[in-house]
Structures are given as C-alpha cells and as structure tokens.
Amino acid sequence: MMTGGAGPPTDADEEIHKICESIKPHAEKHAGKSYNVFNAKSYRRQLVSGTNYFIKVHVGGDDHVHLRVYKKLPCNGGDLELSDMQQSKSHHDPIEYF
C-alpha cells in the first residue's frame, strides 16, 4: 500500500479489535449513547503521517457504525484518537473515506 492511499477492505484482526476496545468510550460519547455490542467487522488502513483506520463496527441488531481512528506515529506517542464517526450504517455499506 502506498502512502496516502487507503488499502482494500480487510477482516478485522486482533489489532483492530484492541483499537475498537480503546476507542469505544469516545464513540459512545460522540453518539450520545451506550453500546452493548461493539464488534469490529472490517477495516481499511490509510498511511499518512501516522495511520488512519476506517473501521466498520457492529453495534447490535442490523446496526453498524463507521469509525475513523487516527494513530499517531510512535515518535509522536502512538496515541489513538477518534477523528470522526458515521452512524446509521448497515452490514452492506462499504467503508469509504470520510
């Protein structure tokens, strides 16, 4: 994958599940509600001056959200931050840049 371009959709792995676990409280605050289910399904990765993760998350029933999570470079602390969130998504909605 080249810098700046988002990679193809990939099934969520252990790293993505850990990112979602860490970001869940921020997503709940952004959405104004709590999620009993918060399970990463798939993601795309974009290399910038750090990494953007676009993650599809199942939040119960047929509902999904899309998260954009930014991970800083290790030399800048490697912290995670929720950059944006899209609600009212379905399993069939593609993960796109937002």
PDB file of N, CA and C in Angstrom:
ATOM      1  N   MET A   1       0.844  -1.173   0.000  1.00  0.00           N
ATOM      2  CA  MET A   1       0.000   0.000   0.000  1.00  0.00           C
ATOM      3  C   MET A   1       0.886   1.232   0.000  1.00  0.00           C
ATOM      4  N   MET A   2       0.554   2.204  -0.838  1.00  0.00           N
ATOM      5  CA  MET A   2       1.349   3.420  -0.894  1.00  0.00           C
ATOM      6  C   MET A   2       0.835   4.451   0.107  1.00  0.00           C
ATOM      7  N   THR A   3       1.706   5.344   0.503  1.00  0.00           N
ATOM      8  CA  THR A   3       1.348   6.393   1.435  1.00  0.00           C
ATOM      9  C   THR A   3       0.248   7.248   0.833  1.00  0.00           C
ATOM     10  N   GLY A   4      -0.773   7.545   1.633  1.00  0.00           N
ATOM     11  CA  GLY A   4      -1.877   8.391   1.203  1.00  0.00           C
ATOM     12  C   GLY A   4      -3.061   7.638   0.666  1.00  0.00           C
ATOM     13  N   GLY A   5      -2.853   6.451   0.118  1.00  0.00           N
ATOM     14  CA  GLY A   5      -3.962   5.667  -0.437  1.00  0.00           C
ATOM     15  C   GLY A   5      -4.503   4.702   0.600  1.00  0.00           C
ATOM     16  N   ALA A   6      -5.832   4.574   0.652  1.00  0.00           N
ATOM     17  CA  ALA A   6      -6.446   3.616   1.577  1.00  0.00           C
ATOM     18  C   ALA A   6      -6.377   2.226   0.972  1.00  0.00           C
ATOM     19  N   GLY A   7      -6.015   1.269   1.779  1.00  0.00           N
ATOM     20  CA  GLY A   7      -5.928  -0.114   1.321  1.00  0.00           C
ATOM     21  C   GLY A   7      -7.309  -0.726   1.156  1.00  0.00           C
ATOM     22  N   PRO A   8      -7.353  -1.946   0.671  1.00  0.00           N
ATOM     23  CA  PRO A   8      -8.633  -2.619   0.454  1.00  0.00           C
ATOM     24  C   PRO A   8      -9.288  -3.010   1.779  1.00  0.00           C
ATOM     25  N   PRO A   9     -10.603  -3.220   1.782  1.00  0.00           N
ATOM     26  CA  PRO A   9     -11.273  -3.701   2.995  1.00  0.00           C
ATOM     27  C   PRO A   9     -10.705  -5.061   3.412  1.00  0.00           C
ATOM     28  N   THR A  10     -10.481  -5.212   4.707  1.00  0.00           N
ATOM     29  CA  THR A  10      -9.890  -6.411   5.280  1.00  0.00           C
ATOM     30  C   THR A  10     -10.680  -6.796   6.528  1.00  0.00           C
ATOM     31  N   ASP A  11     -10.816  -8.086   6.789  1.00  0.00           N
ATOM     32  CA  ASP A  11     -11.480  -8.523   8.017  1.00  0.00           C
ATOM     33  C   ASP A  11     -10.720  -8.006   9.225  1.00  0.00           C
ATOM     34  N   ALA A  12     -11.453  -7.605  10.252  1.00  0.00           N
ATOM     35  CA  ALA A  12     -10.843  -7.095  11.478  1.00  0.00           C
ATOM     36  C   ALA A  12     -10.002  -8.192  12.138  1.00  0.00           C
ATOM     37  N   ASP A  13      -8.825  -7.807  12.592  1.00  0.00           N
ATOM     38  CA  ASP A  13      -7.927  -8.726  13.286  1.00  0.00           C
ATOM     39  C   ASP A  13      -7.794  -8.281  14.745  1.00  0.00           C
ATOM     40  N   GLU A  14      -6.934  -8.936  15.496  1.00  0.00           N
ATOM     41  CA  GLU A  14      -6.781  -8.640  16.920  1.00  0.00           C
ATOM     42  C   GLU A  14      -6.385  -7.184  17.163  1.00  0.00           C
ATOM     43  N   GLU A  15      -5.508  -6.641  16.337  1.00  0.00           N
ATOM     44  CA  GLU A  15      -5.087  -5.238  16.486  1.00  0.00           C
ATOM     45  C   GLU A  15      -6.297  -4.302  16.364  1.00  0.00           C
ATOM     46  N   ILE A  16      -7.161  -4.541  15.392  1.00  0.00           N
ATOM     47  CA  ILE A  16      -8.329  -3.689  15.171  1.00  0.00           C
ATOM     48  C   ILE A  16      -9.327  -3.842  16.318  1.00  0.00           C
ATOM     49  N   HIS A  17      -9.500  -5.052  16.832  1.00  0.00           N
ATOM     50  CA  HIS A  17     -10.385  -5.252  17.980  1.00  0.00           C
ATOM     51  C   HIS A  17      -9.870  -4.475  19.197  1.00  0.00           C
ATOM     52  N   LYS A  18      -8.573  -4.448  19.403  1.00  0.00           N
ATOM     53  CA  LYS A  18      -7.992  -3.700  20.529  1.00  0.00           C
ATOM     54  C   LYS A  18      -8.187  -2.195  20.342  1.00  0.00           C
ATOM     55  N   ILE A  19      -8.022  -1.716  19.110  1.00  0.00           N
ATOM     56  CA  ILE A  19      -8.245  -0.300  18.820  1.00  0.00           C
ATOM     57  C   ILE A  19      -9.693   0.057  19.149  1.00  0.00           C
ATOM     58  N   CYS A  20     -10.646  -0.772  18.713  1.00  0.00           N
ATOM     59  CA  CYS A  20     -12.067  -0.505  18.968  1.00  0.00           C
ATOM     60  C   CYS A  20     -12.380  -0.515  20.460  1.00  0.00           C
ATOM     61  N   GLU A  21     -11.786  -1.442  21.176  1.00  0.00           N
ATOM     62  CA  GLU A  21     -11.994  -1.512  22.621  1.00  0.00           C
ATOM     63  C   GLU A  21     -11.532  -0.213  23.284  1.00  0.00           C
ATOM     64  N   SER A  22     -10.412   0.310  22.832  1.00  0.00           N
ATOM     65  CA  SER A  22      -9.864   1.542  23.376  1.00  0.00           C
ATOM     66  C   SER A  22     -10.703   2.767  23.005  1.00  0.00           C
ATOM     67  N   ILE A  23     -11.265   2.767  21.814  1.00  0.00           N
ATOM     68  CA  ILE A  23     -11.999   3.921  21.282  1.00  0.00           C
ATOM     69  C   ILE A  23     -13.479   3.908  21.675  1.00  0.00           C
ATOM     70  N   LYS A  24     -14.006   2.779  22.118  1.00  0.00           N
ATOM     71  CA  LYS A  24     -15.439   2.653  22.405  1.00  0.00           C
ATOM     72  C   LYS A  24     -15.987   3.781  23.281  1.00  0.00           C
ATOM     73  N   PRO A  25     -15.362   4.155  24.406  1.00  0.00           N
ATOM     74  CA  PRO A  25     -15.931   5.247  25.218  1.00  0.00           C
ATOM     75  C   PRO A  25     -16.039   6.568  24.448  1.00  0.00           C
ATOM     76  N   HIS A  26     -15.099   6.831  23.575  1.00  0.00           N
ATOM     77  CA  HIS A  26     -15.124   8.060  22.781  1.00  0.00           C
ATOM     78  C   HIS A  26     -16.252   8.007  21.742  1.00  0.00           C
ATOM     79  N   ALA A  27     -16.469   6.823  21.160  1.00  0.00           N
ATOM     80  CA  ALA A  27     -17.554   6.644  20.190  1.00  0.00           C
ATOM     81  C   ALA A  27     -18.906   6.796  20.885  1.00  0.00           C
ATOM     82  N   GLU A  28     -19.028   6.244  22.078  1.00  0.00           N
ATOM     83  CA  GLU A  28     -20.282   6.369  22.823  1.00  0.00           C
ATOM     84  C   GLU A  28     -20.558   7.830  23.176  1.00  0.00           C
ATOM     85  N   LYS A  29     -19.544   8.549  23.564  1.00  0.00           N
ATOM     86  CA  LYS A  29     -19.711   9.980  23.869  1.00  0.00           C
ATOM     87  C   LYS A  29     -20.118  10.741  22.608  1.00  0.00           C
ATOM     88  N   HIS A  30     -19.466  10.449  21.491  1.00  0.00           N
ATOM     89  CA  HIS A  30     -19.776  11.110  20.214  1.00  0.00           C
ATOM     90  C   HIS A  30     -21.216  10.827  19.799  1.00  0.00           C
ATOM     91  N   ALA A  31     -21.673   9.575  19.974  1.00  0.00           N
ATOM     92  CA  ALA A  31     -23.021   9.173  19.569  1.00  0.00           C
ATOM     93  C   ALA A  31     -24.082   9.573  20.585  1.00  0.00           C
ATOM     94  N   GLY A  32     -23.658   9.829  21.817  1.00  0.00           N
ATOM     95  CA  GLY A  32     -24.615  10.173  22.866  1.00  0.00           C
ATOM     96  C   GLY A  32     -25.390   8.981  23.388  1.00  0.00           C
ATOM     97  N   LYS A  33     -24.807   7.786  23.270  1.00  0.00           N
ATOM     98  CA  LYS A  33     -25.462   6.581  23.774  1.00  0.00           C
ATOM     99  C   LYS A  33     -24.430   5.504  24.044  1.00  0.00           C
ATOM    100  N   SER A  34     -24.867   4.480  24.797  1.00  0.00           N
ATOM    101  CA  SER A  34     -24.001   3.345  25.115  1.00  0.00           C
ATOM    102  C   SER A  34     -24.282   2.205  24.154  1.00  0.00           C
ATOM    103  N   TYR A  35     -23.255   1.426  23.871  1.00  0.00           N
ATOM    104  CA  TYR A  35     -23.386   0.261  23.007  1.00  0.00           C
ATOM    105  C   TYR A  35     -23.123  -1.000  23.810  1.00  0.00           C
ATOM    106  N   ASN A  36     -24.119  -1.928  23.840  1.00  0.00           N
ATOM    107  CA  ASN A  36     -23.915  -3.222  24.485  1.00  0.00           C
ATOM    108  C   ASN A  36     -23.056  -4.128  23.617  1.00  0.00           C
ATOM    109  N   VAL A  37     -23.174  -3.944  22.295  1.00  0.00           N
ATOM    110  CA  VAL A  37     -22.375  -4.680  21.322  1.00  0.00           C
ATOM    111  C   VAL A  37     -21.484  -3.669  20.624  1.00  0.00           C
ATOM    112  N   PHE A  38     -20.211  -3.986  20.466  1.00  0.00           N
ATOM    113  CA  PHE A  38     -19.269  -3.090  19.782  1.00  0.00           C
ATOM    114  C   PHE A  38     -18.160  -3.969  19.211  1.00  0.00           C
ATOM    115  N   ASN A  39     -18.454  -4.581  18.056  1.00  0.00           N
ATOM    116  CA  ASN A  39     -17.585  -5.608  17.498  1.00  0.00           C
ATOM    117  C   ASN A  39     -17.078  -5.204  16.107  1.00  0.00           C
ATOM    118  N   ALA A  40     -15.780  -4.988  15.987  1.00  0.00           N
ATOM    119  CA  ALA A  40     -15.189  -4.629  14.694  1.00  0.00           C
ATOM    120  C   ALA A  40     -15.382  -5.765  13.705  1.00  0.00           C
ATOM    121  N   LYS A  41     -15.810  -5.425  12.490  1.00  0.00           N
ATOM    122  CA  LYS A  41     -16.039  -6.421  11.450  1.00  0.00           C
ATOM    123  C   LYS A  41     -14.978  -6.367  10.360  1.00  0.00           C
ATOM    124  N   SER A  42     -14.699  -5.155   9.870  1.00  0.00           N
ATOM    125  CA  SER A  42     -13.726  -4.993   8.795  1.00  0.00           C
ATOM    126  C   SER A  42     -13.148  -3.581   8.875  1.00  0.00           C
ATOM    127  N   TYR A  43     -12.087  -3.362   8.099  1.00  0.00           N
ATOM    128  CA  TYR A  43     -11.432  -2.054   8.155  1.00  0.00           C
ATOM    129  C   TYR A  43     -10.635  -1.809   6.884  1.00  0.00           C
ATOM    130  N   ARG A  44     -10.285  -0.548   6.722  1.00  0.00           N
ATOM    131  CA  ARG A  44      -9.330  -0.120   5.697  1.00  0.00           C
ATOM    132  C   ARG A  44      -8.287   0.721   6.413  1.00  0.00           C
ATOM    133  N   ARG A  45      -7.079   0.700   5.902  1.00  0.00           N
ATOM    134  CA  ARG A  45      -5.966   1.429   6.520  1.00  0.00           C
ATOM    135  C   ARG A  45      -5.422   2.433   5.503  1.00  0.00           C
ATOM    136  N   GLN A  46      -5.131   3.646   5.987  1.00  0.00           N
ATOM    137  CA  GLN A  46      -4.536   4.684   5.151  1.00  0.00           C
ATOM    138  C   GLN A  46      -3.293   5.204   5.860  1.00  0.00           C
ATOM    139  N   LEU A  47      -2.149   5.099   5.194  1.00  0.00           N
ATOM    140  CA  LEU A  47      -0.910   5.598   5.765  1.00  0.00           C
ATOM    141  C   LEU A  47      -0.755   7.075   5.430  1.00  0.00           C
ATOM    142  N   VAL A  48      -0.639   7.874   6.465  1.00  0.00           N
ATOM    143  CA  VAL A  48      -0.400   9.321   6.338  1.00  0.00           C
ATOM    144  C   VAL A  48       0.770   9.613   7.265  1.00  0.00           C
ATOM    145  N   SER A  49       0.817  10.724   7.941  1.00  0.00           N
ATOM    146  CA  SER A  49       1.857  10.930   8.951  1.00  0.00           C
ATOM    147  C   SER A  49       1.350  10.292  10.246  1.00  0.00           C
ATOM    148  N   GLY A  50       1.189   9.003  10.184  1.00  0.00           N
ATOM    149  CA  GLY A  50       0.540   8.157  11.165  1.00  0.00           C
ATOM    150  C   GLY A  50      -0.335   7.207  10.355  1.00  0.00           C
ATOM    151  N   THR A  51      -1.384   6.697  10.954  1.00  0.00           N
ATOM    152  CA  THR A  51      -2.283   5.782  10.250  1.00  0.00           C
ATOM    153  C   THR A  51      -3.733   6.136  10.540  1.00  0.00           C
ATOM    154  N   ASN A  52      -4.537   6.251   9.492  1.00  0.00           N
ATOM    155  CA  ASN A  52      -5.987   6.358   9.632  1.00  0.00           C
ATOM    156  C   ASN A  52      -6.564   4.958   9.470  1.00  0.00           C
ATOM    157  N   TYR A  53      -7.423   4.574  10.404  1.00  0.00           N
ATOM    158  CA  TYR A  53      -8.162   3.325  10.304  1.00  0.00           C
ATOM    159  C   TYR A  53      -9.629   3.672  10.092  1.00  0.00           C
ATOM    160  N   PHE A  54     -10.219   3.128   9.051  1.00  0.00           N
ATOM    161  CA  PHE A  54     -11.650   3.259   8.790  1.00  0.00           C
ATOM    162  C   PHE A  54     -12.249   1.906   9.151  1.00  0.00           C
ATOM    163  N   ILE A  55     -13.018   1.871  10.230  1.00  0.00           N
ATOM    164  CA  ILE A  55     -13.438   0.602  10.813  1.00  0.00           C
ATOM    165  C   ILE A  55     -14.961   0.484  10.817  1.00  0.00           C
ATOM    166  N   LYS A  56     -15.464  -0.629  10.298  1.00  0.00           N
ATOM    167  CA  LYS A  56     -16.897  -0.943  10.369  1.00  0.00           C
ATOM    168  C   LYS A  56     -17.116  -1.721  11.659  1.00  0.00           C
ATOM    169  N   VAL A  57     -18.035  -1.229  12.497  1.00  0.00           N
ATOM    170  CA  VAL A  57     -18.285  -1.829  13.804  1.00  0.00           C
ATOM    171  C   VAL A  57     -19.762  -2.203  13.925  1.00  0.00           C
ATOM    172  N   HIS A  58     -20.023  -3.458  14.279  1.00  0.00           N
ATOM    173  CA  HIS A  58     -21.387  -3.910  14.551  1.00  0.00           C
ATOM    174  C   HIS A  58     -21.764  -3.447  15.953  1.00  0.00           C
ATOM    175  N   VAL A  59     -22.916  -2.752  16.075  1.00  0.00           N
ATOM    176  CA  VAL A  59     -23.332  -2.214  17.376  1.00  0.00           C
ATOM    177  C   VAL A  59     -24.666  -2.796  17.848  1.00  0.00           C
ATOM    178  N   GLY A  60     -25.072  -3.923  17.266  1.00  0.00           N
ATOM    179  CA  GLY A  60     -26.290  -4.609  17.697  1.00  0.00           C
ATOM    180  C   GLY A  60     -27.352  -4.631  16.611  1.00  0.00           C
ATOM    181  N   GLY A  61     -28.128  -5.689  16.588  1.00  0.00           N
ATOM    182  CA  GLY A  61     -29.178  -5.841  15.573  1.00  0.00           C
ATOM    183  C   GLY A  61     -28.568  -5.777  14.181  1.00  0.00           C
ATOM    184  N   ASP A  62     -29.173  -4.971  13.323  1.00  0.00           N
ATOM    185  CA  ASP A  62     -28.634  -4.769  11.978  1.00  0.00           C
ATOM    186  C   ASP A  62     -27.802  -3.496  11.890  1.00  0.00           C
ATOM    187  N   ASP A  63     -27.550  -2.852  13.028  1.00  0.00           N
ATOM    188  CA  ASP A  63     -26.896  -1.548  13.050  1.00  0.00           C
ATOM    189  C   ASP A  63     -25.378  -1.650  13.090  1.00  0.00           C
ATOM    190  N   HIS A  64     -24.767  -0.746  12.343  1.00  0.00           N
ATOM    191  CA  HIS A  64     -23.310  -0.617  12.305  1.00  0.00           C
ATOM    192  C   HIS A  64     -22.952   0.867  12.364  1.00  0.00           C
ATOM    193  N   VAL A  65     -21.747   1.144  12.774  1.00  0.00           N
ATOM    194  CA  VAL A  65     -21.179   2.489  12.672  1.00  0.00           C
ATOM    195  C   VAL A  65     -19.849   2.363  11.960  1.00  0.00           C
ATOM    196  N   HIS A  66     -19.401   3.446  11.366  1.00  0.00           N
ATOM    197  CA  HIS A  66     -18.070   3.513  10.773  1.00  0.00           C
ATOM    198  C   HIS A  66     -17.265   4.514  11.584  1.00  0.00           C
ATOM    199  N   LEU A  67     -16.072   4.117  11.959  1.00  0.00           N
ATOM    200  CA  LEU A  67     -15.173   4.971  12.734  1.00  0.00           C
ATOM    201  C   LEU A  67     -13.975   5.344  11.894  1.00  0.00           C
ATOM    202  N   ARG A  68     -13.490   6.568  12.063  1.00  0.00           N
ATOM    203  CA  ARG A  68     -12.173   6.931  11.536  1.00  0.00           C
ATOM    204  C   ARG A  68     -11.307   7.202  12.755  1.00  0.00           C
ATOM    205  N   VAL A  69     -10.324   6.348  12.939  1.00  0.00           N
ATOM    206  CA  VAL A  69      -9.423   6.427  14.090  1.00  0.00           C
ATOM    207  C   VAL A  69      -8.024   6.751  13.578  1.00  0.00           C
ATOM    208  N   TYR A  70      -7.414   7.752  14.178  1.00  0.00           N
ATOM    209  CA  TYR A  70      -6.062   8.157  13.800  1.00  0.00           C
ATOM    210  C   TYR A  70      -5.084   7.654  14.851  1.00  0.00           C
ATOM    211  N   LYS A  71      -4.051   6.964  14.398  1.00  0.00           N
ATOM    212  CA  LYS A  71      -2.979   6.511  15.289  1.00  0.00           C
ATOM    213  C   LYS A  71      -1.725   7.289  14.941  1.00  0.00           C
ATOM    214  N   LYS A  72      -1.235   8.035  15.923  1.00  0.00           N
ATOM    215  CA  LYS A  72      -0.029   8.836  15.725  1.00  0.00           C
ATOM    216  C   LYS A  72       1.182   7.926  15.549  1.00  0.00           C
ATOM    217  N   LEU A  73       2.196   8.465  14.902  1.00  0.00           N
ATOM    218  CA  LEU A  73       3.455   7.732  14.762  1.00  0.00           C
ATOM    219  C   LEU A  73       4.060   7.469  16.139  1.00  0.00           C
ATOM    220  N   PRO A  74       4.806   6.376  16.295  1.00  0.00           N
ATOM    221  CA  PRO A  74       5.440   6.082  17.584  1.00  0.00           C
ATOM    222  C   PRO A  74       6.301   7.236  18.111  1.00  0.00           C
ATOM    223  N   CYS A  75       6.985   7.948  17.219  1.00  0.00           N
ATOM    224  CA  CYS A  75       7.832   9.060  17.659  1.00  0.00           C
ATOM    225  C   CYS A  75       6.996  10.225  18.206  1.00  0.00           C
ATOM    226  N   ASN A  76       5.679  10.213  17.923  1.00  0.00           N
ATOM    227  CA  ASN A  76       4.761  11.236  18.437  1.00  0.00           C
ATOM    228  C   ASN A  76       3.848  10.677  19.528  1.00  0.00           C
ATOM    229  N   GLY A  77       4.215   9.543  20.087  1.00  0.00           N
ATOM    230  CA  GLY A  77       3.473   8.958  21.189  1.00  0.00           C
ATOM    231  C   GLY A  77       2.609   7.768  20.835  1.00  0.00           C
ATOM    232  N   GLY A  78       2.272   7.601  19.545  1.00  0.00           N
ATOM    233  CA  GLY A  78       1.479   6.450  19.120  1.00  0.00           C
ATOM    234  C   GLY A  78       0.054   6.435  19.639  1.00  0.00           C
ATOM    235  N   ASP A  79      -0.435   7.594  20.131  1.00  0.00           N
ATOM    236  CA  ASP A  79      -1.783   7.664  20.695  1.00  0.00           C
ATOM    237  C   ASP A  79      -2.856   7.455  19.632  1.00  0.00           C
ATOM    238  N   LEU A  80      -4.029   7.019  20.093  1.00  0.00           N
ATOM    239  CA  LEU A  80      -5.200   6.848  19.230  1.00  0.00           C
ATOM    240  C   LEU A  80      -6.181   7.981  19.492  1.00  0.00           C
ATOM    241  N   GLU A  81      -6.854   8.437  18.423  1.00  0.00           N
ATOM    242  CA  GLU A  81      -7.934   9.399  18.620  1.00  0.00           C
ATOM    243  C   GLU A  81      -9.045   9.130  17.614  1.00  0.00           C
ATOM    244  N   LEU A  82     -10.284   9.298  18.085  1.00  0.00           N
ATOM    245  CA  LEU A  82     -11.439   9.160  17.208  1.00  0.00           C
ATOM    246  C   LEU A  82     -11.555  10.451  16.410  1.00  0.00           C
ATOM    247  N   SER A  83     -11.313  10.363  15.106  1.00  0.00           N
ATOM    248  CA  SER A  83     -11.362  11.552  14.258  1.00  0.00           C
ATOM    249  C   SER A  83     -12.778  11.865  13.801  1.00  0.00           C
ATOM    250  N   ASP A  84     -13.566  10.832  13.524  1.00  0.00           N
ATOM    251  CA  ASP A  84     -14.924  11.030  13.042  1.00  0.00           C
ATOM    252  C   ASP A  84     -15.680   9.716  13.165  1.00  0.00           C
ATOM    253  N   MET A  85     -17.005   9.824  13.034  1.00  0.00           N
ATOM    254  CA  MET A  85     -17.862   8.648  13.184  1.00  0.00           C
ATOM    255  C   MET A  85     -19.100   8.834  12.322  1.00  0.00           C
ATOM    256  N   GLN A  86     -19.489   7.776  11.626  1.00  0.00           N
ATOM    257  CA  GLN A  86     -20.732   7.775  10.853  1.00  0.00           C
ATOM    258  C   GLN A  86     -21.675   6.753  11.475  1.00  0.00           C
ATOM    259  N   GLN A  87     -22.907   7.177  11.731  1.00  0.00           N
ATOM    260  CA  GLN A  87     -23.905   6.294  12.326  1.00  0.00           C
ATOM    261  C   GLN A  87     -24.906   5.848  11.265  1.00  0.00           C
ATOM    262  N   SER A  88     -25.816   4.998  11.656  1.00  0.00           N
ATOM    263  CA  SER A  88     -26.884   4.501  10.779  1.00  0.00           C
ATOM    264  C   SER A  88     -26.328   3.812   9.536  1.00  0.00           C
ATOM    265  N   LYS A  89     -25.337   2.980   9.736  1.00  0.00           N
ATOM    266  CA  LYS A  89     -24.754   2.191   8.652  1.00  0.00           C
ATOM    267  C   LYS A  89     -25.271   0.760   8.738  1.00  0.00           C
ATOM    268  N   SER A  90     -25.181   0.036   7.633  1.00  0.00           N
ATOM    269  CA  SER A  90     -25.588  -1.369   7.616  1.00  0.00           C
ATOM    270  C   SER A  90     -24.380  -2.242   7.293  1.00  0.00           C
ATOM    271  N   HIS A  91     -24.587  -3.537   7.397  1.00  0.00           N
ATOM    272  CA  HIS A  91     -23.532  -4.502   7.076  1.00  0.00           C
ATOM    273  C   HIS A  91     -23.062  -4.337   5.627  1.00  0.00           C
ATOM    274  N   HIS A  92     -23.961  -3.927   4.749  1.00  0.00           N
ATOM    275  CA  HIS A  92     -23.660  -3.846   3.321  1.00  0.00           C
ATOM    276  C   HIS A  92     -23.022  -2.531   2.898  1.00  0.00           C
ATOM    277  N   ASP A  93     -23.020  -1.525   3.759  1.00  0.00           N
ATOM    278  CA  ASP A  93     -22.418  -0.235   3.396  1.00  0.00           C
ATOM    279  C   ASP A  93     -20.898  -0.372   3.290  1.00  0.00           C
ATOM    280  N   PRO A  94     -20.322   0.049   2.174  1.00  0.00           N
ATOM    281  CA  PRO A  94     -18.864  -0.047   2.029  1.00  0.00           C
ATOM    282  C   PRO A  94     -18.160   0.955   2.945  1.00  0.00           C
ATOM    283  N   ILE A  95     -16.959   0.597   3.319  1.00  0.00           N
ATOM    284  CA  ILE A  95     -16.128   1.503   4.122  1.00  0.00           C
ATOM    285  C   ILE A  95     -15.437   2.454   3.151  1.00  0.00           C
ATOM    286  N   GLU A  96     -15.753   3.729   3.264  1.00  0.00           N
ATOM    287  CA  GLU A  96     -15.175   4.736   2.389  1.00  0.00           C
ATOM    288  C   GLU A  96     -14.529   5.823   3.220  1.00  0.00           C
ATOM    289  N   TYR A  97     -13.680   6.615   2.564  1.00  0.00           N
ATOM    290  CA  TYR A  97     -13.046   7.739   3.243  1.00  0.00           C
ATOM    291  C   TYR A  97     -14.124   8.733   3.695  1.00  0.00           C
ATOM    292  N   PHE A  98     -14.011   9.218   4.908  1.00  0.00           N
ATOM    293  CA  PHE A  98     -14.885  10.287   5.386  1.00  0.00           C
ATOM    294  C   PHE A  98     -14.130  11.128   6.389  1.00  0.00           C
TER     295      PHE A  98
END
